[in-house]
Amino acid sequence: MKQNNNRQVWDSLILVFQFGINMIVPIVMCTLIGVWIGDKFDISWIVIPLFFMGALAGGQNIYRMTKKMYQTHNGKGKKNAEKNE
């Protein structure tokens, strides 16, 4: 029983870490690209829209991951319920 609880804790921590990575990476990448473009073409304001584009991309990544996990979780639950009947 205790091992099952430890596994749930680790799974939850990994999930939170994945959410963070899926949000941070696109934001940082788009911001760095915006800084590079701003320096190269002397248009520093381009960082702002690229930052928000990275945030939207990160949100979309989290949405897709959550949707996939939710479908997998519900699919397993339905299969187990059918087996028990």
PDB file of N, CA and C in Angstrom:
ATOM      1  N   MET A   1       0.824  -1.196   0.000  1.00  0.00           N
ATOM      2  CA  MET A   1       0.000   0.000   0.000  1.00  0.00           C
ATOM      3  C   MET A   1       0.868   1.260   0.000  1.00  0.00           C
ATOM      4  N   LYS A   2       1.936   1.232   0.814  1.00  0.00           N
ATOM      5  CA  LYS A   2       2.801   2.402   0.883  1.00  0.00           C
ATOM      6  C   LYS A   2       3.522   2.649  -0.439  1.00  0.00           C
ATOM      7  N   GLN A   3       3.914   1.571  -1.117  1.00  0.00           N
ATOM      8  CA  GLN A   3       4.607   1.722  -2.395  1.00  0.00           C
ATOM      9  C   GLN A   3       3.679   2.353  -3.429  1.00  0.00           C
ATOM     10  N   ASN A   4       2.400   2.016  -3.393  1.00  0.00           N
ATOM     11  CA  ASN A   4       1.427   2.594  -4.315  1.00  0.00           C
ATOM     12  C   ASN A   4       1.299   4.101  -4.084  1.00  0.00           C
ATOM     13  N   ASN A   5       1.306   4.522  -2.820  1.00  0.00           N
ATOM     14  CA  ASN A   5       1.229   5.955  -2.514  1.00  0.00           C
ATOM     15  C   ASN A   5       2.478   6.685  -2.997  1.00  0.00           C
ATOM     16  N   ASN A   6       3.653   6.061  -2.817  1.00  0.00           N
ATOM     17  CA  ASN A   6       4.893   6.676  -3.294  1.00  0.00           C
ATOM     18  C   ASN A   6       4.869   6.832  -4.808  1.00  0.00           C
ATOM     19  N   ARG A   7       4.344   5.839  -5.489  1.00  0.00           N
ATOM     20  CA  ARG A   7       4.260   5.913  -6.953  1.00  0.00           C
ATOM     21  C   ARG A   7       3.338   7.044  -7.387  1.00  0.00           C
ATOM     22  N   GLN A   8       2.234   7.225  -6.688  1.00  0.00           N
ATOM     23  CA  GLN A   8       1.310   8.308  -7.033  1.00  0.00           C
ATOM     24  C   GLN A   8       1.962   9.673  -6.810  1.00  0.00           C
ATOM     25  N   VAL A   9       2.739   9.784  -5.749  1.00  0.00           N
ATOM     26  CA  VAL A   9       3.423  11.050  -5.472  1.00  0.00           C
ATOM     27  C   VAL A   9       4.434  11.343  -6.577  1.00  0.00           C
ATOM     28  N   TRP A  10       5.236  10.342  -6.948  1.00  0.00           N
ATOM     29  CA  TRP A  10       6.223  10.540  -8.007  1.00  0.00           C
ATOM     30  C   TRP A  10       5.549  10.839  -9.338  1.00  0.00           C
ATOM     31  N   ASP A  11       4.454  10.135  -9.640  1.00  0.00           N
ATOM     32  CA  ASP A  11       3.733  10.413 -10.885  1.00  0.00           C
ATOM     33  C   ASP A  11       3.211  11.848 -10.908  1.00  0.00           C
ATOM     34  N   SER A  12       2.720  12.319  -9.775  1.00  0.00           N
ATOM     35  CA  SER A  12       2.216  13.694  -9.696  1.00  0.00           C
ATOM     36  C   SER A  12       3.343  14.711  -9.870  1.00  0.00           C
ATOM     37  N   LEU A  13       4.481  14.461  -9.235  1.00  0.00           N
ATOM     38  CA  LEU A  13       5.619  15.373  -9.382  1.00  0.00           C
ATOM     39  C   LEU A  13       6.124  15.405 -10.820  1.00  0.00           C
ATOM     40  N   ILE A  14       6.169  14.250 -11.458  1.00  0.00           N
ATOM     41  CA  ILE A  14       6.597  14.196 -12.855  1.00  0.00           C
ATOM     42  C   ILE A  14       5.617  14.958 -13.739  1.00  0.00           C
ATOM     43  N   LEU A  15       4.326  14.842 -13.448  1.00  0.00           N
ATOM     44  CA  LEU A  15       3.316  15.554 -14.219  1.00  0.00           C
ATOM     45  C   LEU A  15       3.487  17.065 -14.090  1.00  0.00           C
ATOM     46  N   VAL A  16       3.712  17.539 -12.878  1.00  0.00           N
ATOM     47  CA  VAL A  16       3.919  18.974 -12.662  1.00  0.00           C
ATOM     48  C   VAL A  16       5.183  19.437 -13.387  1.00  0.00           C
ATOM     49  N   PHE A  17       6.243  18.629 -13.331  1.00  0.00           N
ATOM     50  CA  PHE A  17       7.480  18.961 -14.026  1.00  0.00           C
ATOM     51  C   PHE A  17       7.248  19.028 -15.532  1.00  0.00           C
ATOM     52  N   GLN A  18       6.486  18.087 -16.090  1.00  0.00           N
ATOM     53  CA  GLN A  18       6.179  18.100 -17.525  1.00  0.00           C
ATOM     54  C   GLN A  18       5.372  19.336 -17.904  1.00  0.00           C
ATOM     55  N   PHE A  19       4.406  19.709 -17.065  1.00  0.00           N
ATOM     56  CA  PHE A  19       3.634  20.925 -17.337  1.00  0.00           C
ATOM     57  C   PHE A  19       4.561  22.135 -17.380  1.00  0.00           C
ATOM     58  N   GLY A  20       5.469  22.224 -16.430  1.00  0.00           N
ATOM     59  CA  GLY A  20       6.400  23.351 -16.395  1.00  0.00           C
ATOM     60  C   GLY A  20       7.289  23.401 -17.624  1.00  0.00           C
ATOM     61  N   ILE A  21       7.838  22.255 -17.996  1.00  0.00           N
ATOM     62  CA  ILE A  21       8.709  22.199 -19.176  1.00  0.00           C
ATOM     63  C   ILE A  21       7.927  22.548 -20.433  1.00  0.00           C
ATOM     64  N   ASN A  22       6.706  22.009 -20.543  1.00  0.00           N
ATOM     65  CA  ASN A  22       5.886  22.286 -21.727  1.00  0.00           C
ATOM     66  C   ASN A  22       5.487  23.748 -21.826  1.00  0.00           C
ATOM     67  N   MET A  23       5.498  24.473 -20.729  1.00  0.00           N
ATOM     68  CA  MET A  23       5.147  25.891 -20.759  1.00  0.00           C
ATOM     69  C   MET A  23       6.387  26.768 -20.927  1.00  0.00           C
ATOM     70  N   ILE A  24       7.466  26.432 -20.244  1.00  0.00           N
ATOM     71  CA  ILE A  24       8.658  27.285 -20.220  1.00  0.00           C
ATOM     72  C   ILE A  24       9.422  27.254 -21.542  1.00  0.00           C
ATOM     73  N   VAL A  25       9.592  26.072 -22.132  1.00  0.00           N
ATOM     74  CA  VAL A  25      10.434  25.941 -23.325  1.00  0.00           C
ATOM     75  C   VAL A  25       9.940  26.815 -24.484  1.00  0.00           C
ATOM     76  N   PRO A  26       8.655  26.757 -24.869  1.00  0.00           N
ATOM     77  CA  PRO A  26       8.230  27.621 -25.980  1.00  0.00           C
ATOM     78  C   PRO A  26       8.348  29.117 -25.665  1.00  0.00           C
ATOM     79  N   ILE A  27       8.084  29.485 -24.412  1.00  0.00           N
ATOM     80  CA  ILE A  27       8.183  30.904 -24.048  1.00  0.00           C
ATOM     81  C   ILE A  27       9.631  31.378 -24.174  1.00  0.00           C
ATOM     82  N   VAL A  28      10.562  30.602 -23.633  1.00  0.00           N
ATOM     83  CA  VAL A  28      11.978  30.997 -23.687  1.00  0.00           C
ATOM     84  C   VAL A  28      12.474  31.015 -25.132  1.00  0.00           C
ATOM     85  N   MET A  29      12.117  29.989 -25.891  1.00  0.00           N
ATOM     86  CA  MET A  29      12.575  29.939 -27.290  1.00  0.00           C
ATOM     87  C   MET A  29      12.049  31.119 -28.089  1.00  0.00           C
ATOM     88  N   CYS A  30      10.767  31.400 -27.975  1.00  0.00           N
ATOM     89  CA  CYS A  30      10.202  32.521 -28.739  1.00  0.00           C
ATOM     90  C   CYS A  30      10.766  33.854 -28.264  1.00  0.00           C
ATOM     91  N   THR A  31      11.003  33.997 -26.969  1.00  0.00           N
ATOM     92  CA  THR A  31      11.584  35.233 -26.459  1.00  0.00           C
ATOM     93  C   THR A  31      13.004  35.425 -26.990  1.00  0.00           C
ATOM     94  N   LEU A  32      13.791  34.349 -26.973  1.00  0.00           N
ATOM     95  CA  LEU A  32      15.160  34.451 -27.497  1.00  0.00           C
ATOM     96  C   LEU A  32      15.171  34.755 -28.992  1.00  0.00           C
ATOM     97  N   ILE A  33      14.266  34.152 -29.730  1.00  0.00           N
ATOM     98  CA  ILE A  33      14.161  34.457 -31.165  1.00  0.00           C
ATOM     99  C   ILE A  33      13.758  35.919 -31.358  1.00  0.00           C
ATOM    100  N   GLY A  34      12.843  36.397 -30.505  1.00  0.00           N
ATOM    101  CA  GLY A  34      12.436  37.799 -30.586  1.00  0.00           C
ATOM    102  C   GLY A  34      13.566  38.751 -30.275  1.00  0.00           C
ATOM    103  N   VAL A  35      14.384  38.416 -29.286  1.00  0.00           N
ATOM    104  CA  VAL A  35      15.545  39.259 -28.957  1.00  0.00           C
ATOM    105  C   VAL A  35      16.526  39.260 -30.121  1.00  0.00           C
ATOM    106  N   TRP A  36      16.766  38.093 -30.708  1.00  0.00           N
ATOM    107  CA  TRP A  36      17.695  38.002 -31.842  1.00  0.00           C
ATOM    108  C   TRP A  36      17.187  38.818 -33.031  1.00  0.00           C
ATOM    109  N   ILE A  37      15.895  38.669 -33.355  1.00  0.00           N
ATOM    110  CA  ILE A  37      15.318  39.432 -34.469  1.00  0.00           C
ATOM    111  C   ILE A  37      15.363  40.932 -34.164  1.00  0.00           C
ATOM    112  N   GLY A  38      15.047  41.284 -32.910  1.00  0.00           N
ATOM    113  CA  GLY A  38      15.078  42.689 -32.511  1.00  0.00           C
ATOM    114  C   GLY A  38      16.446  43.305 -32.649  1.00  0.00           C
ATOM    115  N   ASP A  39      17.476  42.562 -32.271  1.00  0.00           N
ATOM    116  CA  ASP A  39      18.850  43.080 -32.410  1.00  0.00           C
ATOM    117  C   ASP A  39      19.274  43.156 -33.868  1.00  0.00           C
ATOM    118  N   LYS A  40      18.905  42.152 -34.636  1.00  0.00           N
ATOM    119  CA  LYS A  40      19.352  42.081 -36.032  1.00  0.00           C
ATOM    120  C   LYS A  40      18.694  43.164 -36.899  1.00  0.00           C
ATOM    121  N   PHE A  41      17.396  43.373 -36.710  1.00  0.00           N
ATOM    122  CA  PHE A  41      16.662  44.318 -37.565  1.00  0.00           C
ATOM    123  C   PHE A  41      16.257  45.602 -36.849  1.00  0.00           C
ATOM    124  N   ASP A  42      16.724  45.784 -35.620  1.00  0.00           N
ATOM    125  CA  ASP A  42      16.457  46.987 -34.827  1.00  0.00           C
ATOM    126  C   ASP A  42      14.957  47.227 -34.628  1.00  0.00           C
ATOM    127  N   ILE A  43      14.244  46.159 -34.284  1.00  0.00           N
ATOM    128  CA  ILE A  43      12.822  46.273 -33.932  1.00  0.00           C
ATOM    129  C   ILE A  43      12.613  45.504 -32.617  1.00  0.00           C
ATOM    130  N   SER A  44      12.913  46.166 -31.510  1.00  0.00           N
ATOM    131  CA  SER A  44      12.896  45.509 -30.203  1.00  0.00           C
ATOM    132  C   SER A  44      11.479  45.141 -29.739  1.00  0.00           C
ATOM    133  N   TRP A  45      10.469  45.776 -30.292  1.00  0.00           N
ATOM    134  CA  TRP A  45       9.097  45.483 -29.868  1.00  0.00           C
ATOM    135  C   TRP A  45       8.638  44.096 -30.299  1.00  0.00           C
ATOM    136  N   ILE A  46       9.355  43.439 -31.195  1.00  0.00           N
ATOM    137  CA  ILE A  46       8.954  42.124 -31.705  1.00  0.00           C
ATOM    138  C   ILE A  46       9.002  41.066 -30.598  1.00  0.00           C
ATOM    139  N   VAL A  47       9.729  41.336 -29.517  1.00  0.00           N
ATOM    140  CA  VAL A  47       9.830  40.383 -28.409  1.00  0.00           C
ATOM    141  C   VAL A  47       8.462  40.160 -27.763  1.00  0.00           C
ATOM    142  N   ILE A  48       7.679  41.198 -27.656  1.00  0.00           N
ATOM    143  CA  ILE A  48       6.387  41.103 -26.959  1.00  0.00           C
ATOM    144  C   ILE A  48       5.424  40.150 -27.665  1.00  0.00           C
ATOM    145  N   PRO A  49       5.160  40.303 -28.960  1.00  0.00           N
ATOM    146  CA  PRO A  49       4.252  39.346 -29.603  1.00  0.00           C
ATOM    147  C   PRO A  49       4.807  37.920 -29.628  1.00  0.00           C
ATOM    148  N   LEU A  50       6.129  37.792 -29.770  1.00  0.00           N
ATOM    149  CA  LEU A  50       6.704  36.446 -29.774  1.00  0.00           C
ATOM    150  C   LEU A  50       6.620  35.804 -28.395  1.00  0.00           C
ATOM    151  N   PHE A  51       6.740  36.604 -27.339  1.00  0.00           N
ATOM    152  CA  PHE A  51       6.552  36.074 -25.987  1.00  0.00           C
ATOM    153  C   PHE A  51       5.145  35.507 -25.826  1.00  0.00           C
ATOM    154  N   PHE A  52       4.147  36.264 -26.249  1.00  0.00           N
ATOM    155  CA  PHE A  52       2.764  35.792 -26.132  1.00  0.00           C
ATOM    156  C   PHE A  52       2.498  34.602 -27.052  1.00  0.00           C
ATOM    157  N   MET A  53       3.136  34.574 -28.207  1.00  0.00           N
ATOM    158  CA  MET A  53       3.000  33.422 -29.087  1.00  0.00           C
ATOM    159  C   MET A  53       3.582  32.169 -28.412  1.00  0.00           C
ATOM    160  N   GLY A  54       4.700  32.327 -27.709  1.00  0.00           N
ATOM    161  CA  GLY A  54       5.284  31.211 -26.966  1.00  0.00           C
ATOM    162  C   GLY A  54       4.378  30.759 -25.835  1.00  0.00           C
ATOM    163  N   ALA A  55       3.746  31.709 -25.159  1.00  0.00           N
ATOM    164  CA  ALA A  55       2.815  31.357 -24.081  1.00  0.00           C
ATOM    165  C   ALA A  55       1.612  30.598 -24.633  1.00  0.00           C
ATOM    166  N   LEU A  56       1.105  31.027 -25.776  1.00  0.00           N
ATOM    167  CA  LEU A  56      -0.015  30.308 -26.401  1.00  0.00           C
ATOM    168  C   LEU A  56       0.402  28.907 -26.835  1.00  0.00           C
ATOM    169  N   ALA A  57       1.607  28.785 -27.382  1.00  0.00           N
ATOM    170  CA  ALA A  57       2.100  27.472 -27.787  1.00  0.00           C
ATOM    171  C   ALA A  57       2.264  26.559 -26.570  1.00  0.00           C
ATOM    172  N   GLY A  58       2.780  27.105 -25.473  1.00  0.00           N
ATOM    173  CA  GLY A  58       2.910  26.318 -24.239  1.00  0.00           C
ATOM    174  C   GLY A  58       1.557  25.885 -23.698  1.00  0.00           C
ATOM    175  N   GLY A  59       0.596  26.791 -23.738  1.00  0.00           N
ATOM    176  CA  GLY A  59      -0.758  26.438 -23.303  1.00  0.00           C
ATOM    177  C   GLY A  59      -1.360  25.347 -24.167  1.00  0.00           C
ATOM    178  N   GLN A  60      -1.116  25.432 -25.452  1.00  0.00           N
ATOM    179  CA  GLN A  60      -1.621  24.404 -26.361  1.00  0.00           C
ATOM    180  C   GLN A  60      -0.947  23.056 -26.080  1.00  0.00           C
ATOM    181  N   ASN A  61       0.345  23.069 -25.793  1.00  0.00           N
ATOM    182  CA  ASN A  61       1.046  21.832 -25.443  1.00  0.00           C
ATOM    183  C   ASN A  61       0.454  21.189 -24.193  1.00  0.00           C
ATOM    184  N   ILE A  62       0.190  22.006 -23.183  1.00  0.00           N
ATOM    185  CA  ILE A  62      -0.391  21.494 -21.947  1.00  0.00           C
ATOM    186  C   ILE A  62      -1.792  20.955 -22.204  1.00  0.00           C
ATOM    187  N   TYR A  63      -2.571  21.662 -23.005  1.00  0.00           N
ATOM    188  CA  TYR A  63      -3.926  21.212 -23.324  1.00  0.00           C
ATOM    189  C   TYR A  63      -3.893  19.843 -24.014  1.00  0.00           C
ATOM    190  N   ARG A  64      -3.006  19.700 -25.000  1.00  0.00           N
ATOM    191  CA  ARG A  64      -2.907  18.425 -25.721  1.00  0.00           C
ATOM    192  C   ARG A  64      -2.481  17.293 -24.796  1.00  0.00           C
ATOM    193  N   MET A  65      -1.487  17.570 -23.939  1.00  0.00           N
ATOM    194  CA  MET A  65      -1.011  16.540 -23.027  1.00  0.00           C
ATOM    195  C   MET A  65      -2.101  16.139 -22.036  1.00  0.00           C
ATOM    196  N   THR A  66      -2.808  17.112 -21.498  1.00  0.00           N
ATOM    197  CA  THR A  66      -3.875  16.830 -20.546  1.00  0.00           C
ATOM    198  C   THR A  66      -5.008  16.067 -21.219  1.00  0.00           C
ATOM    199  N   LYS A  67      -5.362  16.451 -22.424  1.00  0.00           N
ATOM    200  CA  LYS A  67      -6.425  15.775 -23.153  1.00  0.00           C
ATOM    201  C   LYS A  67      -6.060  14.311 -23.411  1.00  0.00           C
ATOM    202  N   LYS A  68      -4.807  14.070 -23.825  1.00  0.00           N
ATOM    203  CA  LYS A  68      -4.347  12.706 -24.089  1.00  0.00           C
ATOM    204  C   LYS A  68      -4.368  11.873 -22.809  1.00  0.00           C
ATOM    205  N   MET A  69      -3.901  12.467 -21.703  1.00  0.00           N
ATOM    206  CA  MET A  69      -3.891  11.749 -20.426  1.00  0.00           C
ATOM    207  C   MET A  69      -5.309  11.446 -19.959  1.00  0.00           C
ATOM    208  N   TYR A  70      -6.210  12.390 -20.124  1.00  0.00           N
ATOM    209  CA  TYR A  70      -7.593  12.208 -19.702  1.00  0.00           C
ATOM    210  C   TYR A  70      -8.257  11.092 -20.506  1.00  0.00           C
ATOM    211  N   GLN A  71      -8.011  11.075 -21.821  1.00  0.00           N
ATOM    212  CA  GLN A  71      -8.591  10.023 -22.662  1.00  0.00           C
ATOM    213  C   GLN A  71      -8.003   8.665 -22.311  1.00  0.00           C
ATOM    214  N   THR A  72      -6.708   8.595 -22.053  1.00  0.00           N
ATOM    215  CA  THR A  72      -6.066   7.341 -21.679  1.00  0.00           C
ATOM    216  C   THR A  72      -6.610   6.848 -20.353  1.00  0.00           C
ATOM    217  N   HIS A  73      -6.745   7.762 -19.392  1.00  0.00           N
ATOM    218  CA  HIS A  73      -7.248   7.395 -18.070  1.00  0.00           C
ATOM    219  C   HIS A  73      -8.687   6.891 -18.152  1.00  0.00           C
ATOM    220  N   ASN A  74      -9.520   7.582 -18.897  1.00  0.00           N
ATOM    221  CA  ASN A  74     -10.918   7.161 -19.038  1.00  0.00           C
ATOM    222  C   ASN A  74     -11.033   5.878 -19.847  1.00  0.00           C
ATOM    223  N   GLY A  75     -10.192   5.715 -20.844  1.00  0.00           N
ATOM    224  CA  GLY A  75     -10.218   4.501 -21.649  1.00  0.00           C
ATOM    225  C   GLY A  75      -9.872   3.279 -20.816  1.00  0.00           C
ATOM    226  N   LYS A  76      -8.850   3.387 -19.956  1.00  0.00           N
ATOM    227  CA  LYS A  76      -8.467   2.281 -19.097  1.00  0.00           C
ATOM    228  C   LYS A  76      -9.577   1.989 -18.109  1.00  0.00           C
ATOM    229  N   GLY A  77     -10.187   3.031 -17.581  1.00  0.00           N
ATOM    230  CA  GLY A  77     -11.273   2.832 -16.620  1.00  0.00           C
ATOM    231  C   GLY A  77     -12.448   2.102 -17.231  1.00  0.00           C
ATOM    232  N   LYS A  78     -12.799   2.423 -18.472  1.00  0.00           N
ATOM    233  CA  LYS A  78     -13.907   1.766 -19.150  1.00  0.00           C
ATOM    234  C   LYS A  78     -13.571   0.298 -19.433  1.00  0.00           C
ATOM    235  N   LYS A  79     -12.342   0.024 -19.848  1.00  0.00           N
ATOM    236  CA  LYS A  79     -11.945  -1.349 -20.136  1.00  0.00           C
ATOM    237  C   LYS A  79     -11.956  -2.193 -18.870  1.00  0.00           C
ATOM    238  N   ASN A  80     -11.471  -1.625 -17.763  1.00  0.00           N
ATOM    239  CA  ASN A  80     -11.474  -2.375 -16.503  1.00  0.00           C
ATOM    240  C   ASN A  80     -12.885  -2.611 -16.002  1.00  0.00           C
ATOM    241  N   ALA A  81     -13.780  -1.642 -16.182  1.00  0.00           N
ATOM    242  CA  ALA A  81     -15.166  -1.808 -15.757  1.00  0.00           C
ATOM    243  C   ALA A  81     -15.853  -2.886 -16.564  1.00  0.00           C
ATOM    244  N   GLU A  82     -15.563  -2.963 -17.868  1.00  0.00           N
ATOM    245  CA  GLU A  82     -16.166  -3.999 -18.712  1.00  0.00           C
ATOM    246  C   GLU A  82     -15.662  -5.370 -18.328  1.00  0.00           C
ATOM    247  N   LYS A  83     -14.380  -5.495 -17.945  1.00  0.00           N
ATOM    248  CA  LYS A  83     -13.823  -6.778 -17.540  1.00  0.00           C
ATOM    249  C   LYS A  83     -14.448  -7.265 -16.252  1.00  0.00           C
ATOM    250  N   ASN A  84     -14.738  -6.349 -15.334  1.00  0.00           N
ATOM    251  CA  ASN A  84     -15.299  -6.728 -14.034  1.00  0.00           C
ATOM    252  C   ASN A  84     -16.746  -7.174 -14.120  1.00  0.00           C
ATOM    253  N   GLU A  85     -17.449  -6.765 -15.158  1.00  0.00           N
ATOM    254  CA  GLU A  85     -18.875  -7.106 -15.276  1.00  0.00           C
ATOM    255  C   GLU A  85     -19.072  -8.465 -15.778  1.00  0.00           C
TER     256      GLU A  85
END
